[in-house]
Protein backbone atom coordinates (compact mmCIF):
# COMPACT_ATOMS: atom_id res chain seq x y z
CA MET A 1 0.01 -0.06 0.17
CA PRO A 2 1.24 3.48 -0.85
CA SER A 3 2.24 5.67 2.21
CA VAL A 4 -0.31 8.11 2.89
CA PRO A 5 -0.71 10.87 5.63
CA ARG A 6 -2.82 9.80 8.85
CA ASP A 7 -4.50 11.77 11.29
CA GLY A 8 -2.19 15.02 10.88
CA TYR A 9 0.87 13.09 10.83
CA PRO A 10 3.31 12.96 7.79
CA ALA A 11 3.08 9.65 5.60
CA SER A 12 5.49 7.03 7.05
CA TRP A 13 5.33 3.42 7.91
CA TYR A 14 5.43 4.52 11.72
CA ALA A 15 2.47 6.78 11.27
CA ALA A 16 0.59 4.05 9.37
CA THR A 17 1.26 1.57 12.14
CA ALA A 18 0.94 3.80 15.13
CA VAL A 19 -1.04 2.96 18.26
CA GLY A 20 -2.44 5.32 20.68
CA ILE A 21 -3.04 8.55 18.38
CA ARG A 22 -5.64 10.75 19.67
CA GLU A 23 -6.66 14.26 19.13
CA ARG A 24 -5.57 16.84 21.84
CA LEU A 25 -7.29 20.29 21.77
CA PRO A 26 -5.24 23.46 20.99
CA LEU A 27 -4.77 25.95 23.68
CA GLU A 28 -7.60 28.32 24.07
CA GLY A 29 -7.71 31.43 26.19
CA GLU A 30 -5.29 32.42 28.88
CA ILE A 31 -3.78 29.92 31.57
CA GLN A 32 -1.02 30.19 34.23
CA VAL A 33 0.94 27.04 35.25
CA ASP A 34 4.24 26.20 36.87
CA ALA A 35 6.05 24.86 33.70
CA CYS A 36 5.41 25.47 30.02
CA VAL A 37 7.06 22.96 27.89
CA VAL A 38 7.56 24.04 24.00
CA GLY A 39 7.72 20.86 21.69
CA GLY A 40 6.25 17.58 21.89
CA GLY A 41 9.38 15.29 20.93
CA TYR A 42 11.15 13.00 23.44
CA THR A 43 12.65 15.96 25.29
CA GLY A 44 9.49 17.90 25.60
CA LEU A 45 7.24 14.81 26.69
CA SER A 46 9.76 13.56 28.93
CA ALA A 47 10.35 16.95 30.72
CA ALA A 48 6.42 17.22 31.09
CA LEU A 49 6.13 13.78 32.38
CA HIS A 50 9.01 14.27 34.95
CA LEU A 51 7.96 17.70 36.03
CA ALA A 52 4.26 16.65 36.42
CA GLU A 53 5.46 13.41 38.60
CA GLN A 54 7.31 16.03 40.93
CA GLY A 55 3.90 18.02 41.39
CA TYR A 56 4.38 20.91 38.86
CA SER A 57 1.39 21.99 36.87
CA VAL A 58 2.48 21.85 33.37
CA VAL A 59 1.31 22.61 29.73
CA LEU A 60 2.99 21.16 26.91
CA LEU A 61 2.56 23.32 23.44
CA GLU A 62 3.21 21.46 20.32
CA ALA A 63 2.90 23.13 16.95
CA HIS A 64 1.65 19.90 15.09
CA ARG A 65 0.84 16.49 16.80
CA VAL A 66 2.82 14.83 19.59
CA GLY A 67 5.75 13.10 17.78
CA TRP A 68 5.27 14.92 14.69
CA GLY A 69 8.73 15.93 14.13
CA ALA A 70 11.83 13.79 14.33
CA ALA A 71 10.60 11.74 17.46
CA GLY A 72 7.99 10.12 15.02
CA ARG A 73 10.34 9.73 11.89
CA ASN A 74 13.76 8.57 13.00
CA GLY A 75 15.42 5.22 12.67
CA GLY A 76 14.45 3.89 15.97
CA GLN A 77 17.91 2.92 17.03
CA VAL A 78 19.20 3.40 20.59
CA GLY A 79 22.97 2.82 20.64
CA SER A 80 25.47 2.85 23.60
CA GLY A 81 27.61 5.86 24.58
CA GLN A 82 27.40 9.53 23.05
CA ARG A 83 27.51 10.47 19.54
CA LYS A 84 31.19 10.80 19.83
CA ASP A 85 33.07 7.69 20.98
CA GLU A 86 35.04 7.21 24.14
CA THR A 87 38.45 7.78 22.62
CA GLU A 88 37.59 11.12 21.35
CA LEU A 89 35.76 12.34 24.52
CA GLU A 90 38.78 11.06 26.58
CA GLN A 91 41.19 13.45 24.38
CA ARG A 92 39.02 16.38 24.79
CA PHE A 93 37.49 16.26 28.28
CA GLY A 94 39.77 13.84 30.13
CA PRO A 95 39.03 10.26 31.35
CA ALA A 96 37.01 11.20 34.27
CA VAL A 97 34.64 13.22 32.11
CA ALA A 98 34.43 10.49 29.55
CA GLN A 99 33.39 8.07 32.07
CA LYS A 100 30.64 10.25 33.36
CA LEU A 101 29.39 10.89 29.95
CA TRP A 102 29.19 7.24 29.45
CA GLY A 103 27.35 6.66 32.50
CA LEU A 104 24.80 9.15 31.23
CA ALA A 105 24.24 7.49 28.32
CA GLU A 106 23.78 4.13 29.87
CA GLN A 107 21.25 5.79 32.27
CA ALA A 108 19.56 7.14 29.20
CA LYS A 109 19.13 3.63 27.83
CA GLN A 110 17.83 2.29 30.97
CA LEU A 111 15.40 5.05 31.32
CA VAL A 112 13.94 4.43 27.87
CA ARG A 113 13.65 0.62 29.01
CA ASP A 114 11.98 1.62 32.19
CA ARG A 115 9.36 3.97 30.94
CA VAL A 116 8.49 1.15 28.27
CA ALA A 117 7.98 -1.22 31.09
CA ARG A 118 6.45 0.76 33.46
CA HIS A 119 3.70 2.38 31.11
CA ALA A 120 3.28 -0.60 28.97
CA ILE A 121 4.30 1.25 25.86
CA ASP A 122 3.52 -0.89 22.83
CA CYS A 123 6.77 0.04 20.67
CA ASP A 124 8.22 -3.23 19.64
CA LEU A 125 11.43 -2.78 21.73
CA ARG A 126 13.92 -5.54 20.81
CA PRO A 127 17.61 -5.83 21.81
CA GLY A 128 20.82 -5.63 19.59
CA GLN A 129 22.63 -3.34 17.47
CA LEU A 130 25.52 -3.99 14.99
CA VAL A 131 27.83 -1.13 13.82
CA THR A 132 29.46 -2.19 10.64
CA ALA A 133 32.67 -1.04 9.21
CA SER A 134 32.50 0.62 5.95
CA ARG A 135 36.47 0.58 5.75
CA PRO A 136 38.94 -1.90 6.64
CA GLY A 137 40.59 0.72 9.16
CA HIS A 138 37.16 1.25 10.62
CA ALA A 139 36.97 -2.42 11.46
CA VAL A 140 40.27 -1.91 13.42
CA GLU A 141 38.65 0.92 15.15
CA LEU A 142 35.57 -1.25 16.20
CA ARG A 143 37.65 -4.03 17.52
CA ASP A 144 39.70 -1.61 19.54
CA ARG A 145 36.46 -0.15 20.92
CA ALA A 146 35.00 -3.52 21.94
CA GLU A 147 38.31 -3.94 24.03
CA ARG A 148 38.39 -0.72 25.49
CA LEU A 149 34.71 -0.54 26.64
CA ALA A 150 35.31 -4.02 28.38
CA ALA A 151 38.50 -2.86 30.07
CA ARG A 152 37.92 0.73 30.77
CA TYR A 153 34.41 1.10 31.01
CA GLY A 154 33.34 -2.26 32.45
CA TYR A 155 31.08 -2.71 29.46
CA SER A 156 31.03 -6.36 28.32
CA ARG A 157 27.96 -6.54 26.33
CA ALA A 158 29.80 -5.43 23.09
CA ARG A 159 32.02 -7.74 20.75
CA TYR A 160 33.89 -7.64 17.60
CA VAL A 161 32.22 -9.42 14.75
CA THR A 162 34.78 -10.77 11.99
CA PRO A 163 33.75 -10.09 8.29
CA ALA A 164 32.94 -13.80 7.80
CA GLU A 165 30.58 -14.00 10.63
CA LEU A 166 29.15 -10.43 9.75
CA ALA A 167 28.20 -11.84 6.20
CA ASP A 168 26.22 -14.70 7.96
CA MET A 169 24.50 -12.15 10.00
CA LEU A 170 23.56 -9.63 7.47
CA GLY A 171 23.39 -11.42 4.28
CA THR A 172 25.84 -9.08 2.48
CA ARG A 173 29.59 -8.69 1.92
CA VAL A 174 29.96 -4.93 1.80
CA PHE A 175 31.22 -4.50 5.35
CA HIS A 176 34.77 -5.10 6.87
CA GLY A 177 33.93 -6.35 10.24
CA GLY A 178 31.39 -5.00 13.11
CA LEU A 179 30.46 -4.27 16.79
CA LEU A 180 27.67 -6.25 18.09
CA ASP A 181 26.14 -4.48 21.01
CA GLN A 182 23.61 -6.65 22.81
CA GLY A 183 22.98 -3.67 25.32
CA ALA A 184 21.80 -1.39 22.65
CA PHE A 185 18.17 -1.90 21.14
CA HIS A 186 15.58 -0.56 18.52
CA LEU A 187 12.04 0.42 18.77
CA HIS A 188 9.11 1.90 16.90
CA PRO A 189 9.76 5.78 17.66
CA LEU A 190 6.45 7.23 17.19
CA ASN A 191 4.66 4.68 19.42
CA PHE A 192 7.38 5.32 22.06
CA ALA A 193 6.55 9.17 21.81
CA LEU A 194 2.89 8.48 21.91
CA GLY A 195 3.38 6.40 25.09
CA LEU A 196 5.43 9.09 26.73
CA ALA A 197 2.54 11.58 26.02
CA ALA A 198 -0.10 9.26 27.37
CA ALA A 199 2.24 8.92 30.70
CA ALA A 200 2.65 12.56 30.95
CA GLU A 201 -0.90 13.17 30.73
CA ALA A 202 -1.81 10.45 33.39
CA ALA A 203 0.67 12.05 35.70
CA GLY A 204 -1.37 15.45 35.32
CA ALA A 205 0.26 17.45 32.36
CA ARG A 206 -1.94 19.17 29.72
CA ILE A 207 -0.69 18.78 26.18
CA CYS A 208 -1.91 20.88 23.70
CA GLU A 209 -1.66 20.21 19.90
CA TYR A 210 -1.73 22.60 17.01
CA SER A 211 -0.35 25.41 19.37
CA GLU A 212 2.60 26.67 17.89
CA VAL A 213 4.27 29.36 20.01
CA LEU A 214 4.46 32.46 17.80
CA GLN A 215 6.43 34.70 20.29
CA TRP A 216 7.22 34.74 23.70
CA GLN A 217 8.75 37.01 26.53
CA PRO A 218 10.97 35.82 28.98
CA GLY A 219 10.97 37.06 32.64
CA GLU A 220 10.12 35.97 36.07
CA HIS A 221 6.89 34.70 34.62
CA ALA A 222 7.35 34.31 31.00
CA LEU A 223 4.63 34.92 28.50
CA LEU A 224 4.10 32.48 25.55
CA ARG A 225 1.33 33.24 22.92
CA THR A 226 0.08 30.90 20.42
CA ARG A 227 -2.84 31.96 17.81
CA THR A 228 -5.58 31.14 20.22
CA GLY A 229 -3.89 31.37 23.79
CA THR A 230 -1.55 32.58 26.07
CA VAL A 231 0.35 30.87 28.81
CA LYS A 232 1.90 32.52 31.94
CA ALA A 233 4.74 30.27 33.34
CA ARG A 234 7.43 30.50 36.20
CA LEU A 235 9.58 27.89 34.38
CA VAL A 236 9.88 27.31 30.52
CA VAL A 237 11.41 24.37 28.61
CA LEU A 238 12.46 25.03 25.07
CA ALA A 239 12.49 21.44 23.39
CA CYS A 240 12.22 22.21 19.61
CA ASP A 241 15.47 20.78 18.38
CA GLY A 242 15.51 21.03 14.74
CA TYR A 243 12.33 22.73 14.47
CA LEU A 244 13.48 25.86 16.71
CA GLY A 245 13.79 28.24 14.03
CA GLU A 246 14.36 31.63 15.24
CA LEU A 247 12.05 31.35 18.39
CA GLU A 248 15.08 31.78 20.54
CA PRO A 249 18.04 33.29 18.61
CA ARG A 250 20.35 32.91 21.65
CA ILE A 251 20.66 29.17 21.24
CA ALA A 252 19.51 28.73 17.40
CA ALA A 253 23.09 29.28 15.99
CA ALA A 254 24.31 26.21 17.79
CA ASN A 255 21.79 23.81 16.29
CA MET A 256 21.64 23.13 12.63
CA PRO A 257 18.54 21.43 11.13
CA ILE A 258 19.27 18.82 8.58
CA ASN A 259 16.87 16.39 6.79
CA ASN A 260 17.51 12.53 6.61
CA PHE A 261 15.34 10.11 4.61
CA ILE A 262 14.20 6.42 5.27
CA VAL A 263 12.07 3.83 3.10
CA ALA A 264 10.38 0.90 4.10
CA THR A 265 9.81 -2.18 1.49
CA ALA A 266 6.97 -4.30 1.01
CA PRO A 267 6.83 -7.17 3.41
CA LEU A 268 9.51 -9.78 2.84
CA GLY A 269 8.33 -12.63 4.84
CA GLU A 270 10.04 -14.29 7.75
CA GLU A 271 12.48 -16.32 5.98
CA ARG A 272 13.71 -13.68 3.32
CA ALA A 273 13.71 -10.97 6.21
CA ARG A 274 15.93 -13.14 8.49
CA SER A 275 18.31 -13.78 5.54
CA LEU A 276 18.95 -9.93 5.84
CA ILE A 277 19.18 -9.45 9.45
CA ARG A 278 19.60 -12.89 11.10
CA ASP A 279 19.37 -12.00 14.44
CA ASP A 280 16.58 -8.85 14.23
CA VAL A 281 19.21 -6.40 15.48
CA CYS A 282 19.37 -2.92 14.09
CA VAL A 283 22.33 -1.76 12.05
CA HIS A 284 24.04 1.24 11.15
CA ASP A 285 27.34 1.65 9.17
CA THR A 286 30.69 3.92 9.87
CA ARG A 287 30.12 6.14 6.82
CA PHE A 288 29.98 9.85 7.61
CA VAL A 289 26.55 10.09 6.12
CA VAL A 290 25.36 6.98 7.78
CA ASN A 291 23.23 4.03 6.23
CA TYR A 292 20.88 2.58 8.97
CA PHE A 293 18.61 -0.33 8.83
CA ARG A 294 16.47 -2.82 10.54
CA LEU A 295 13.56 -5.02 10.32
CA SER A 296 10.03 -4.08 11.11
CA ALA A 297 7.43 -5.92 13.19
CA ASP A 298 5.77 -6.97 9.81
CA ARG A 299 9.23 -8.03 8.32
CA ARG A 300 9.76 -5.06 5.98
CA LEU A 301 13.36 -3.65 5.72
CA LEU A 302 13.41 -0.11 6.99
CA PHE A 303 16.59 1.64 5.52
CA GLY A 304 17.73 5.14 6.21
CA GLY A 305 20.05 6.81 3.70
CA GLY A 306 20.98 10.17 2.26
CA GLU A 307 20.61 13.73 3.56
CA ASN A 308 19.93 17.20 2.54
CA TYR A 309 20.56 20.39 4.04
CA ARG A 310 17.95 22.85 2.89
CA ALA A 311 14.26 23.48 3.64
CA GLY A 312 12.09 20.79 2.25
CA PHE A 313 12.43 17.20 0.88
CA PRO A 314 13.12 15.87 -2.44
CA PRO A 315 10.11 15.00 -4.42
CA ASP A 316 10.96 11.35 -4.82
CA ILE A 317 12.37 10.13 -1.48
CA ALA A 318 12.38 6.42 -2.62
CA ALA A 319 14.39 7.25 -5.63
CA LEU A 320 17.10 8.93 -3.51
CA VAL A 321 17.40 6.18 -0.82
CA ARG A 322 16.94 3.32 -3.25
CA PRO A 323 20.56 3.26 -4.41
CA TYR A 324 21.75 3.33 -1.00
CA LEU A 325 19.95 0.24 -0.06
CA LEU A 326 20.83 -1.58 -3.19
CA ARG A 327 24.52 -1.14 -2.73
CA VAL A 328 24.08 -2.93 0.73
CA TYR A 329 21.09 -5.30 -0.56
CA PRO A 330 21.35 -5.83 -4.36
CA GLN A 331 19.26 -8.99 -3.90
CA LEU A 332 16.27 -6.73 -3.12
CA ALA A 333 16.19 -5.15 -6.59
CA ASP A 334 12.76 -6.84 -7.27
CA VAL A 335 11.25 -5.65 -3.93
CA ALA A 336 8.81 -2.60 -3.97
CA ILE A 337 9.16 0.29 -1.78
CA GLU A 338 5.78 1.02 -0.20
CA HIS A 339 6.82 3.93 2.40
CA ALA A 340 9.14 6.72 2.13
CA TRP A 341 9.61 9.74 4.37
CA GLY A 342 12.00 12.31 5.63
CA GLY A 343 12.47 14.08 8.93
CA THR A 344 14.49 16.84 10.28
CA LEU A 345 16.99 16.70 13.16
CA GLY A 346 19.25 19.01 14.92
CA ILE A 347 22.99 18.69 14.82
CA SER A 348 25.51 20.34 16.92
CA ARG A 349 29.07 21.30 15.67
CA THR A 350 30.75 19.05 18.28
CA ARG A 351 27.77 16.20 17.69
CA LEU A 352 27.19 16.31 21.65
CA PRO A 353 24.08 17.72 23.09
CA HIS A 354 23.57 21.35 23.71
CA VAL A 355 21.85 21.64 27.12
CA GLY A 356 21.56 24.78 29.19
CA ARG A 357 19.78 27.21 30.90
CA LEU A 358 18.82 31.06 30.18
CA ASP A 359 17.47 33.91 32.37
CA GLY A 360 17.47 31.45 35.45
CA ASN A 361 14.24 29.91 34.58
CA VAL A 362 14.39 28.83 31.04
CA TYR A 363 15.81 25.53 30.18
CA PHE A 364 16.76 23.82 26.69
CA ALA A 365 18.31 20.92 25.13
CA GLN A 366 18.89 20.30 21.50
CA GLY A 367 21.50 19.14 18.87
CA TYR A 368 21.24 15.37 19.61
CA SER A 369 22.73 14.80 16.36
CA GLY A 370 21.07 11.40 15.73
CA HIS A 371 21.09 10.14 19.41
CA GLY A 372 17.90 11.70 20.37
CA ILE A 373 15.72 8.72 21.51
CA ALA A 374 17.65 8.02 24.67
CA ILE A 375 19.61 11.24 25.20
CA GLY A 376 16.55 13.43 24.55
CA THR A 377 14.42 11.35 26.92
CA LEU A 378 17.16 11.70 29.43
CA ALA A 379 17.56 15.51 28.81
CA GLY A 380 13.84 16.07 29.75
CA GLN A 381 14.40 14.13 33.12
CA LEU A 382 17.48 16.18 33.93
CA ILE A 383 15.58 19.27 33.27
CA ALA A 384 12.95 18.28 35.79
CA GLU A 385 15.52 17.28 38.20
CA ALA A 386 17.53 20.70 37.79
CA ALA A 387 14.28 22.64 38.10
CA ALA A 388 13.91 20.86 41.66
CA GLY A 389 17.29 21.78 42.75
CA SER A 390 19.25 18.67 41.71
CA ALA A 391 21.39 19.82 39.01
CA GLU A 392 24.34 17.55 39.10
CA ARG A 393 23.42 15.47 36.07
CA PHE A 394 22.20 18.51 34.17
CA ASP A 395 25.22 20.54 34.89
CA LEU A 396 27.47 17.80 33.44
CA LEU A 397 25.79 17.99 30.07
CA ALA A 398 25.37 21.71 30.12
CA SER A 399 29.17 22.09 30.76
CA LEU A 400 29.78 20.65 27.26
CA PRO A 401 31.03 23.32 24.77
CA SER A 402 28.50 24.04 21.88
CA PRO A 403 30.03 26.64 19.57
CA ALA A 404 27.87 28.17 17.02
CA TRP A 405 27.90 27.22 13.34
CA PRO A 406 29.61 29.65 11.35
CA GLY A 407 28.14 31.75 8.60
CA GLY A 408 25.14 33.54 10.32
CA ARG A 409 21.67 32.81 9.83
CA LEU A 410 21.82 33.14 5.96
CA LEU A 411 24.98 31.46 5.35
CA ARG A 412 25.02 28.55 7.84
CA PRO A 413 23.10 26.07 5.63
CA ALA A 414 25.15 26.79 2.47
CA LEU A 415 28.26 26.20 4.60
CA LEU A 416 27.15 23.19 6.27
CA ALA A 417 26.13 21.81 2.74
CA LEU A 418 29.63 22.40 1.46
CA GLY A 419 31.18 20.51 4.45
CA MET A 420 28.85 17.59 4.25
CA LEU A 421 29.24 17.27 0.44
CA TYR A 422 32.92 16.76 1.21
CA PHE A 423 32.42 14.17 3.46
CA ALA A 424 29.88 12.46 1.40
CA LEU A 425 32.37 12.52 -1.57
CA ARG A 426 34.94 10.94 1.04
CA ASP A 427 32.44 8.27 1.63
CA ARG A 428 32.03 7.23 -1.85
CA LEU A 429 35.86 7.25 -2.42
């Protein structure tokens, strides 16, 4: 069946198979609350949930639908660690900080698992991730990482996979080795977001959809205005990531929105699906512009590949992604693509999360650079902790440098595109 929009969500396999979609009314009139959260992705939903559990009166304002943005359109993979590996973090910040950042990432994974279990979120959570080496040198790095994680981080759930074993596991010989992480996992990202929304409402938070914040005025009691209402709040959480726009210029320059694309094949059947990914793990490679893929619950191949760095998506996403898919799995040349979609995510220059506080009572978190499911969910929890006076974990993330992208508002996208094209060419060569 062709991919079509559903209930105000962009067309995707996720939207077509979502559970728990329900209409939430826009904000009407004037209200006063303890906390106003802007953005209905993982960070915003998690912040609303944790603040409500701490007794705050909370309203969440979402411009579209809960999980409408990257939270409902991403690859669904939850890996271990930060977006940068441990060696680079040790070199940049020292071993002690690198250990703490690893610990936060582990806590983020566990938080996702705990919330899925606690709220019985139907999101097909399944274990295992394979990181595959696109070059022989990358295989050496993955082998070294497995050894380092065990020896220095006490993490024994990752092991190196030889090229021969990898070919048996994935049904392709394009990779040079891999890292199998049994402590990582994958899930249906939109259903996870919808589950967080239901949990936040059960805890007492109010969620208003179709309630884009058009302007806001910070202060001891901030004022946020939508087309149909106004919120007065003593605490504000900006959780917009790639959709921040110019709502808060003080943090916009540190977060660059880019677009990434995914397709879903027709159902393959159990036998053919397992010939591609034997153990039902999720996979991503080590290219700079990564390919990532996994099996859906109904045994399609979900495959992500390709990016662009401008407003809007290409007219034929399937045609863009299909060549990437066939380079990995030429045996799927006869298989139809039934769903194709894109999403916008925020990336920071350091590829580490950009977290912080403005004016004393305005919190923000953005720039997850592809690690948003777990780290974004954790960021919402850390914001709630900091608001309640326990800021140690929040301050660790807030201490990470987040330099602005160069070029100013008009030139930033063009400069990013040039840089990304260079790395994309390096991938091809």
